[in-house]
Amino acid sequence: MAKNIKPASAYAKPHTMSGGSVNLKDAISIKQDPNTLKAGDLKVGKPGPRVSMGDPNAEDVKTTGIETRGNGAATKGRIARGPMA
């Protein structure tokens, strides 16, 4: 089975269901990070805050940790980054 490894220019450009072109700046409706909104600004139909994820754009994301035991053949999720008791 062939893999899709062509450059992005080889695929269809973003379009509407009727075939019209799409301006990506207008298609993205989130103008502000939901985690920075006040409680009074949260409305139904607006994006909700990422409660447990934190800010993915933060500069102080921890990327080191210790490798946990008992993973067997696991290849992902083997690093513990929190405080170790």
PDB file of N, CA and C in Angstrom:
ATOM      1  N   MET A   1       0.842  -1.169   0.000  1.00  0.00           N
ATOM      2  CA  MET A   1       0.000   0.000   0.000  1.00  0.00           C
ATOM      3  C   MET A   1       0.892   1.239   0.000  1.00  0.00           C
ATOM      4  N   ALA A   2       0.611   2.156  -0.871  1.00  0.00           N
ATOM      5  CA  ALA A   2       1.423   3.368  -0.988  1.00  0.00           C
ATOM      6  C   ALA A   2       1.098   4.335   0.142  1.00  0.00           C
ATOM      7  N   LYS A   3       2.098   5.051   0.580  1.00  0.00           N
ATOM      8  CA  LYS A   3       1.903   6.053   1.623  1.00  0.00           C
ATOM      9  C   LYS A   3       1.727   7.411   0.980  1.00  0.00           C
ATOM     10  N   ASN A   4       1.043   8.282   1.661  1.00  0.00           N
ATOM     11  CA  ASN A   4       0.839   9.641   1.170  1.00  0.00           C
ATOM     12  C   ASN A   4       2.037  10.490   1.567  1.00  0.00           C
ATOM     13  N   ILE A   5       3.061  10.465   0.747  1.00  0.00           N
ATOM     14  CA  ILE A   5       4.288  11.187   1.073  1.00  0.00           C
ATOM     15  C   ILE A   5       4.588  12.276   0.057  1.00  0.00           C
ATOM     16  N   LYS A   6       3.564  12.715  -0.640  1.00  0.00           N
ATOM     17  CA  LYS A   6       3.742  13.776  -1.620  1.00  0.00           C
ATOM     18  C   LYS A   6       3.854  15.115  -0.904  1.00  0.00           C
ATOM     19  N   PRO A   7       4.397  16.126  -1.557  1.00  0.00           N
ATOM     20  CA  PRO A   7       4.409  17.456  -0.937  1.00  0.00           C
ATOM     21  C   PRO A   7       2.979  17.996  -0.834  1.00  0.00           C
ATOM     22  N   ALA A   8       2.774  18.943   0.057  1.00  0.00           N
ATOM     23  CA  ALA A   8       1.441  19.488   0.301  1.00  0.00           C
ATOM     24  C   ALA A   8       0.836  20.098  -0.956  1.00  0.00           C
ATOM     25  N   SER A   9       1.663  20.595  -1.847  1.00  0.00           N
ATOM     26  CA  SER A   9       1.145  21.226  -3.066  1.00  0.00           C
ATOM     27  C   SER A   9       0.474  20.207  -3.998  1.00  0.00           C
ATOM     28  N   ALA A  10       0.715  18.918  -3.799  1.00  0.00           N
ATOM     29  CA  ALA A  10       0.133  17.898  -4.666  1.00  0.00           C
ATOM     30  C   ALA A  10      -1.309  17.572  -4.282  1.00  0.00           C
ATOM     31  N   TYR A  11      -1.731  17.971  -3.089  1.00  0.00           N
ATOM     32  CA  TYR A  11      -3.071  17.652  -2.615  1.00  0.00           C
ATOM     33  C   TYR A  11      -4.019  18.821  -2.874  1.00  0.00           C
ATOM     34  N   ALA A  12      -5.301  18.589  -2.664  1.00  0.00           N
ATOM     35  CA  ALA A  12      -6.309  19.619  -2.900  1.00  0.00           C
ATOM     36  C   ALA A  12      -6.150  20.750  -1.888  1.00  0.00           C
ATOM     37  N   LYS A  13      -6.334  21.970  -2.345  1.00  0.00           N
ATOM     38  CA  LYS A  13      -6.297  23.126  -1.459  1.00  0.00           C
ATOM     39  C   LYS A  13      -7.564  23.144  -0.617  1.00  0.00           C
ATOM     40  N   PRO A  14      -7.548  23.810   0.540  1.00  0.00           N
ATOM     41  CA  PRO A  14      -8.759  23.887   1.369  1.00  0.00           C
ATOM     42  C   PRO A  14      -9.920  24.463   0.566  1.00  0.00           C
ATOM     43  N   HIS A  15     -11.084  23.816   0.694  1.00  0.00           N
ATOM     44  CA  HIS A  15     -12.241  24.245  -0.082  1.00  0.00           C
ATOM     45  C   HIS A  15     -13.521  23.969   0.691  1.00  0.00           C
ATOM     46  N   THR A  16     -14.601  24.619   0.261  1.00  0.00           N
ATOM     47  CA  THR A  16     -15.904  24.380   0.863  1.00  0.00           C
ATOM     48  C   THR A  16     -16.525  23.147   0.234  1.00  0.00           C
ATOM     49  N   MET A  17     -17.675  22.727   0.761  1.00  0.00           N
ATOM     50  CA  MET A  17     -18.334  21.538   0.215  1.00  0.00           C
ATOM     51  C   MET A  17     -18.830  21.770  -1.209  1.00  0.00           C
ATOM     52  N   SER A  18     -19.058  23.023  -1.575  1.00  0.00           N
ATOM     53  CA  SER A  18     -19.505  23.308  -2.934  1.00  0.00           C
ATOM     54  C   SER A  18     -18.337  23.545  -3.883  1.00  0.00           C
ATOM     55  N   GLY A  19     -17.110  23.468  -3.390  1.00  0.00           N
ATOM     56  CA  GLY A  19     -15.939  23.612  -4.248  1.00  0.00           C
ATOM     57  C   GLY A  19     -15.320  24.991  -4.238  1.00  0.00           C
ATOM     58  N   GLY A  20     -15.903  25.926  -3.494  1.00  0.00           N
ATOM     59  CA  GLY A  20     -15.348  27.274  -3.424  1.00  0.00           C
ATOM     60  C   GLY A  20     -14.084  27.326  -2.582  1.00  0.00           C
ATOM     61  N   SER A  21     -13.316  28.380  -2.736  1.00  0.00           N
ATOM     62  CA  SER A  21     -12.075  28.502  -1.978  1.00  0.00           C
ATOM     63  C   SER A  21     -12.355  28.974  -0.553  1.00  0.00           C
ATOM     64  N   VAL A  22     -11.424  28.688   0.345  1.00  0.00           N
ATOM     65  CA  VAL A  22     -11.561  29.042   1.750  1.00  0.00           C
ATOM     66  C   VAL A  22     -10.376  29.892   2.160  1.00  0.00           C
ATOM     67  N   ASN A  23     -10.646  30.988   2.819  1.00  0.00           N
ATOM     68  CA  ASN A  23      -9.598  31.798   3.411  1.00  0.00           C
ATOM     69  C   ASN A  23      -9.365  31.266   4.821  1.00  0.00           C
ATOM     70  N   LEU A  24      -8.195  30.695   5.072  1.00  0.00           N
ATOM     71  CA  LEU A  24      -7.948  30.047   6.353  1.00  0.00           C
ATOM     72  C   LEU A  24      -7.981  31.014   7.527  1.00  0.00           C
ATOM     73  N   LYS A  25      -7.609  32.261   7.315  1.00  0.00           N
ATOM     74  CA  LYS A  25      -7.666  33.245   8.412  1.00  0.00           C
ATOM     75  C   LYS A  25      -9.096  33.445   8.885  1.00  0.00           C
ATOM     76  N   ASP A  26     -10.053  33.419   7.938  1.00  0.00           N
ATOM     77  CA  ASP A  26     -11.454  33.590   8.296  1.00  0.00           C
ATOM     78  C   ASP A  26     -12.061  32.298   8.833  1.00  0.00           C
ATOM     79  N   ALA A  27     -11.516  31.159   8.454  1.00  0.00           N
ATOM     80  CA  ALA A  27     -12.075  29.888   8.880  1.00  0.00           C
ATOM     81  C   ALA A  27     -11.793  29.599  10.342  1.00  0.00           C
ATOM     82  N   ILE A  28     -10.710  30.140  10.864  1.00  0.00           N
ATOM     83  CA  ILE A  28     -10.372  29.920  12.268  1.00  0.00           C
ATOM     84  C   ILE A  28     -11.140  30.933  13.102  1.00  0.00           C
ATOM     85  N   SER A  29     -12.062  30.432  13.925  1.00  0.00           N
ATOM     86  CA  SER A  29     -12.935  31.341  14.657  1.00  0.00           C
ATOM     87  C   SER A  29     -12.424  31.654  16.055  1.00  0.00           C
ATOM     88  N   ILE A  30     -11.413  30.950  16.540  1.00  0.00           N
ATOM     89  CA  ILE A  30     -10.907  31.203  17.881  1.00  0.00           C
ATOM     90  C   ILE A  30      -9.934  32.373  17.814  1.00  0.00           C
ATOM     91  N   LYS A  31     -10.323  33.481  18.379  1.00  0.00           N
ATOM     92  CA  LYS A  31      -9.494  34.681  18.354  1.00  0.00           C
ATOM     93  C   LYS A  31      -8.647  34.829  19.607  1.00  0.00           C
ATOM     94  N   GLN A  32      -9.067  34.197  20.714  1.00  0.00           N
ATOM     95  CA  GLN A  32      -8.368  34.335  21.981  1.00  0.00           C
ATOM     96  C   GLN A  32      -8.257  32.962  22.636  1.00  0.00           C
ATOM     97  N   ASP A  33      -7.173  32.746  23.358  1.00  0.00           N
ATOM     98  CA  ASP A  33      -6.972  31.482  24.049  1.00  0.00           C
ATOM     99  C   ASP A  33      -8.056  31.314  25.109  1.00  0.00           C
ATOM    100  N   PRO A  34      -8.824  30.204  25.090  1.00  0.00           N
ATOM    101  CA  PRO A  34      -9.909  30.028  26.055  1.00  0.00           C
ATOM    102  C   PRO A  34      -9.435  29.987  27.507  1.00  0.00           C
ATOM    103  N   ASN A  35      -8.183  29.617  27.747  1.00  0.00           N
ATOM    104  CA  ASN A  35      -7.693  29.573  29.126  1.00  0.00           C
ATOM    105  C   ASN A  35      -7.483  30.957  29.708  1.00  0.00           C
ATOM    106  N   THR A  36      -7.405  31.984  28.885  1.00  0.00           N
ATOM    107  CA  THR A  36      -7.177  33.330  29.400  1.00  0.00           C
ATOM    108  C   THR A  36      -8.471  34.101  29.613  1.00  0.00           C
ATOM    109  N   LEU A  37      -9.624  33.500  29.306  1.00  0.00           N
ATOM    110  CA  LEU A  37     -10.902  34.186  29.470  1.00  0.00           C
ATOM    111  C   LEU A  37     -11.331  34.197  30.930  1.00  0.00           C
ATOM    112  N   LYS A  38     -12.058  35.230  31.318  1.00  0.00           N
ATOM    113  CA  LYS A  38     -12.647  35.295  32.651  1.00  0.00           C
ATOM    114  C   LYS A  38     -13.891  34.418  32.669  1.00  0.00           C
ATOM    115  N   ALA A  39     -14.364  34.062  33.859  1.00  0.00           N
ATOM    116  CA  ALA A  39     -15.526  33.179  33.973  1.00  0.00           C
ATOM    117  C   ALA A  39     -16.757  33.796  33.326  1.00  0.00           C
ATOM    118  N   GLY A  40     -16.908  35.103  33.410  1.00  0.00           N
ATOM    119  CA  GLY A  40     -18.066  35.763  32.821  1.00  0.00           C
ATOM    120  C   GLY A  40     -18.034  35.784  31.305  1.00  0.00           C
ATOM    121  N   ASP A  41     -16.861  35.582  30.712  1.00  0.00           N
ATOM    122  CA  ASP A  41     -16.745  35.611  29.254  1.00  0.00           C
ATOM    123  C   ASP A  41     -16.985  34.250  28.613  1.00  0.00           C
ATOM    124  N   LEU A  42     -17.052  33.183  29.418  1.00  0.00           N
ATOM    125  CA  LEU A  42     -17.299  31.847  28.876  1.00  0.00           C
ATOM    126  C   LEU A  42     -18.770  31.730  28.512  1.00  0.00           C
ATOM    127  N   LYS A  43     -19.059  31.380  27.291  1.00  0.00           N
ATOM    128  CA  LYS A  43     -20.434  31.298  26.792  1.00  0.00           C
ATOM    129  C   LYS A  43     -20.661  29.947  26.129  1.00  0.00           C
ATOM    130  N   VAL A  44     -21.913  29.566  26.019  1.00  0.00           N
ATOM    131  CA  VAL A  44     -22.275  28.332  25.319  1.00  0.00           C
ATOM    132  C   VAL A  44     -21.956  28.511  23.839  1.00  0.00           C
ATOM    133  N   GLY A  45     -21.342  27.522  23.260  1.00  0.00           N
ATOM    134  CA  GLY A  45     -20.984  27.582  21.848  1.00  0.00           C
ATOM    135  C   GLY A  45     -19.584  28.113  21.606  1.00  0.00           C
ATOM    136  N   LYS A  46     -18.945  28.660  22.621  1.00  0.00           N
ATOM    137  CA  LYS A  46     -17.566  29.129  22.520  1.00  0.00           C
ATOM    138  C   LYS A  46     -16.645  28.000  22.969  1.00  0.00           C
ATOM    139  N   PRO A  47     -15.380  28.017  22.558  1.00  0.00           N
ATOM    140  CA  PRO A  47     -14.469  26.952  23.001  1.00  0.00           C
ATOM    141  C   PRO A  47     -14.247  27.013  24.505  1.00  0.00           C
ATOM    142  N   GLY A  48     -14.180  25.848  25.115  1.00  0.00           N
ATOM    143  CA  GLY A  48     -13.975  25.759  26.552  1.00  0.00           C
ATOM    144  C   GLY A  48     -12.504  25.733  26.894  1.00  0.00           C
ATOM    145  N   PRO A  49     -12.170  26.051  28.134  1.00  0.00           N
ATOM    146  CA  PRO A  49     -10.766  26.039  28.547  1.00  0.00           C
ATOM    147  C   PRO A  49     -10.223  24.614  28.644  1.00  0.00           C
ATOM    148  N   ARG A  50      -8.926  24.477  28.440  1.00  0.00           N
ATOM    149  CA  ARG A  50      -8.251  23.199  28.590  1.00  0.00           C
ATOM    150  C   ARG A  50      -7.882  23.056  30.056  1.00  0.00           C
ATOM    151  N   VAL A  51      -8.692  22.363  30.798  1.00  0.00           N
ATOM    152  CA  VAL A  51      -8.525  22.322  32.248  1.00  0.00           C
ATOM    153  C   VAL A  51      -7.263  21.570  32.644  1.00  0.00           C
ATOM    154  N   SER A  52      -7.074  20.377  32.130  1.00  0.00           N
ATOM    155  CA  SER A  52      -5.971  19.563  32.609  1.00  0.00           C
ATOM    156  C   SER A  52      -4.736  19.622  31.720  1.00  0.00           C
ATOM    157  N   MET A  53      -4.804  20.266  30.569  1.00  0.00           N
ATOM    158  CA  MET A  53      -3.668  20.270  29.653  1.00  0.00           C
ATOM    159  C   MET A  53      -2.696  21.404  29.914  1.00  0.00           C
ATOM    160  N   GLY A  54      -3.160  22.498  30.470  1.00  0.00           N
ATOM    161  CA  GLY A  54      -2.289  23.643  30.610  1.00  0.00           C
ATOM    162  C   GLY A  54      -2.128  24.363  29.294  1.00  0.00           C
ATOM    163  N   ASP A  55      -1.138  25.200  29.211  1.00  0.00           N
ATOM    164  CA  ASP A  55      -0.916  25.988  28.010  1.00  0.00           C
ATOM    165  C   ASP A  55       0.114  25.285  27.131  1.00  0.00           C
ATOM    166  N   PRO A  56      -0.271  24.789  25.941  1.00  0.00           N
ATOM    167  CA  PRO A  56       0.701  24.090  25.102  1.00  0.00           C
ATOM    168  C   PRO A  56       1.759  25.016  24.513  1.00  0.00           C
ATOM    169  N   ASN A  57       1.542  26.331  24.581  1.00  0.00           N
ATOM    170  CA  ASN A  57       2.517  27.278  24.060  1.00  0.00           C
ATOM    171  C   ASN A  57       3.459  27.798  25.130  1.00  0.00           C
ATOM    172  N   ALA A  58       3.376  27.265  26.334  1.00  0.00           N
ATOM    173  CA  ALA A  58       4.224  27.740  27.427  1.00  0.00           C
ATOM    174  C   ALA A  58       5.693  27.441  27.128  1.00  0.00           C
ATOM    175  N   GLU A  59       6.543  28.312  27.606  1.00  0.00           N
ATOM    176  CA  GLU A  59       7.982  28.150  27.369  1.00  0.00           C
ATOM    177  C   GLU A  59       8.627  27.185  28.362  1.00  0.00           C
ATOM    178  N   ASP A  60       7.983  26.931  29.503  1.00  0.00           N
ATOM    179  CA  ASP A  60       8.613  26.125  30.547  1.00  0.00           C
ATOM    180  C   ASP A  60       8.044  24.696  30.595  1.00  0.00           C
ATOM    181  N   VAL A  61       7.763  24.102  29.444  1.00  0.00           N
ATOM    182  CA  VAL A  61       7.239  22.744  29.399  1.00  0.00           C
ATOM    183  C   VAL A  61       8.350  21.779  29.773  1.00  0.00           C
ATOM    184  N   LYS A  62       8.066  20.900  30.738  1.00  0.00           N
ATOM    185  CA  LYS A  62       9.086  19.962  31.194  1.00  0.00           C
ATOM    186  C   LYS A  62       9.193  18.806  30.205  1.00  0.00           C
ATOM    187  N   THR A  63      10.392  18.542  29.734  1.00  0.00           N
ATOM    188  CA  THR A  63      10.601  17.478  28.756  1.00  0.00           C
ATOM    189  C   THR A  63      11.491  16.366  29.280  1.00  0.00           C
ATOM    190  N   THR A  64      11.960  16.486  30.515  1.00  0.00           N
ATOM    191  CA  THR A  64      12.812  15.452  31.084  1.00  0.00           C
ATOM    192  C   THR A  64      12.066  14.755  32.214  1.00  0.00           C
ATOM    193  N   GLY A  65      12.562  13.633  32.641  1.00  0.00           N
ATOM    194  CA  GLY A  65      11.949  12.891  33.733  1.00  0.00           C
ATOM    195  C   GLY A  65      12.672  11.577  33.905  1.00  0.00           C
ATOM    196  N   ILE A  66      12.058  10.686  34.680  1.00  0.00           N
ATOM    197  CA  ILE A  66      12.664   9.374  34.881  1.00  0.00           C
ATOM    198  C   ILE A  66      11.835   8.326  34.154  1.00  0.00           C
ATOM    199  N   GLU A  67      12.503   7.292  33.659  1.00  0.00           N
ATOM    200  CA  GLU A  67      11.783   6.235  32.973  1.00  0.00           C
ATOM    201  C   GLU A  67      11.201   5.288  34.012  1.00  0.00           C
ATOM    202  N   THR A  68       9.902   5.025  33.894  1.00  0.00           N
ATOM    203  CA  THR A  68       9.234   4.176  34.863  1.00  0.00           C
ATOM    204  C   THR A  68       9.510   2.711  34.584  1.00  0.00           C
ATOM    205  N   ARG A  69       9.265   1.875  35.585  1.00  0.00           N
ATOM    206  CA  ARG A  69       9.515   0.453  35.453  1.00  0.00           C
ATOM    207  C   ARG A  69       8.260  -0.277  34.996  1.00  0.00           C
ATOM    208  N   GLY A  70       8.437  -1.483  34.471  1.00  0.00           N
ATOM    209  CA  GLY A  70       7.322  -2.359  34.153  1.00  0.00           C
ATOM    210  C   GLY A  70       6.565  -1.991  32.897  1.00  0.00           C
ATOM    211  N   ASN A  71       7.234  -1.439  31.905  1.00  0.00           N
ATOM    212  CA  ASN A  71       6.546  -1.034  30.687  1.00  0.00           C
ATOM    213  C   ASN A  71       6.491  -2.125  29.629  1.00  0.00           C
ATOM    214  N   GLY A  72       7.301  -3.138  29.744  1.00  0.00           N
ATOM    215  CA  GLY A  72       7.296  -4.202  28.745  1.00  0.00           C
ATOM    216  C   GLY A  72       7.701  -3.665  27.381  1.00  0.00           C
ATOM    217  N   ALA A  73       6.855  -3.869  26.391  1.00  0.00           N
ATOM    218  CA  ALA A  73       7.168  -3.451  25.029  1.00  0.00           C
ATOM    219  C   ALA A  73       6.643  -2.050  24.718  1.00  0.00           C
ATOM    220  N   ALA A  74       6.222  -1.315  25.736  1.00  0.00           N
ATOM    221  CA  ALA A  74       5.668   0.022  25.496  1.00  0.00           C
ATOM    222  C   ALA A  74       6.731   0.940  24.917  1.00  0.00           C
ATOM    223  N   THR A  75       6.325   1.776  23.972  1.00  0.00           N
ATOM    224  CA  THR A  75       7.264   2.723  23.378  1.00  0.00           C
ATOM    225  C   THR A  75       6.890   4.161  23.689  1.00  0.00           C
ATOM    226  N   LYS A  76       5.686   4.382  24.204  1.00  0.00           N
ATOM    227  CA  LYS A  76       5.255   5.740  24.527  1.00  0.00           C
ATOM    228  C   LYS A  76       4.738   5.776  25.958  1.00  0.00           C
ATOM    229  N   GLY A  77       4.869   6.916  26.583  1.00  0.00           N
ATOM    230  CA  GLY A  77       4.347   7.076  27.939  1.00  0.00           C
ATOM    231  C   GLY A  77       5.199   6.418  28.988  1.00  0.00           C
ATOM    232  N   ARG A  78       6.492   6.319  28.771  1.00  0.00           N
ATOM    233  CA  ARG A  78       7.354   5.639  29.743  1.00  0.00           C
ATOM    234  C   ARG A  78       8.067   6.609  30.664  1.00  0.00           C
ATOM    235  N   ILE A  79       7.935   7.896  30.468  1.00  0.00           N
ATOM    236  CA  ILE A  79       8.640   8.885  31.257  1.00  0.00           C
ATOM    237  C   ILE A  79       7.686   9.525  32.258  1.00  0.00           C
ATOM    238  N   ALA A  80       8.074   9.533  33.526  1.00  0.00           N
ATOM    239  CA  ALA A  80       7.296  10.188  34.579  1.00  0.00           C
ATOM    240  C   ALA A  80       7.907  11.567  34.810  1.00  0.00           C
ATOM    241  N   ARG A  81       7.082  12.617  34.709  1.00  0.00           N
ATOM    242  CA  ARG A  81       7.602  13.976  34.807  1.00  0.00           C
ATOM    243  C   ARG A  81       7.148  14.707  36.059  1.00  0.00           C
ATOM    244  N   GLY A  82       6.277  14.139  36.816  1.00  0.00           N
ATOM    245  CA  GLY A  82       5.762  14.824  38.008  1.00  0.00           C
ATOM    246  C   GLY A  82       6.657  14.617  39.208  1.00  0.00           C
ATOM    247  N   PRO A  83       6.223  15.132  40.361  1.00  0.00           N
ATOM    248  CA  PRO A  83       7.016  14.923  41.572  1.00  0.00           C
ATOM    249  C   PRO A  83       6.953  13.461  41.998  1.00  0.00           C
ATOM    250  N   MET A  84       8.088  12.914  42.310  1.00  0.00           N
ATOM    251  CA  MET A  84       8.155  11.523  42.736  1.00  0.00           C
ATOM    252  C   MET A  84       8.135  11.461  44.261  1.00  0.00           C
ATOM    253  N   ALA A  85       7.204  10.699  44.811  1.00  0.00           N
ATOM    254  CA  ALA A  85       7.060  10.625  46.275  1.00  0.00           C
ATOM    255  C   ALA A  85       8.081   9.682  46.872  1.00  0.00           C
TER     256      ALA A  85
END
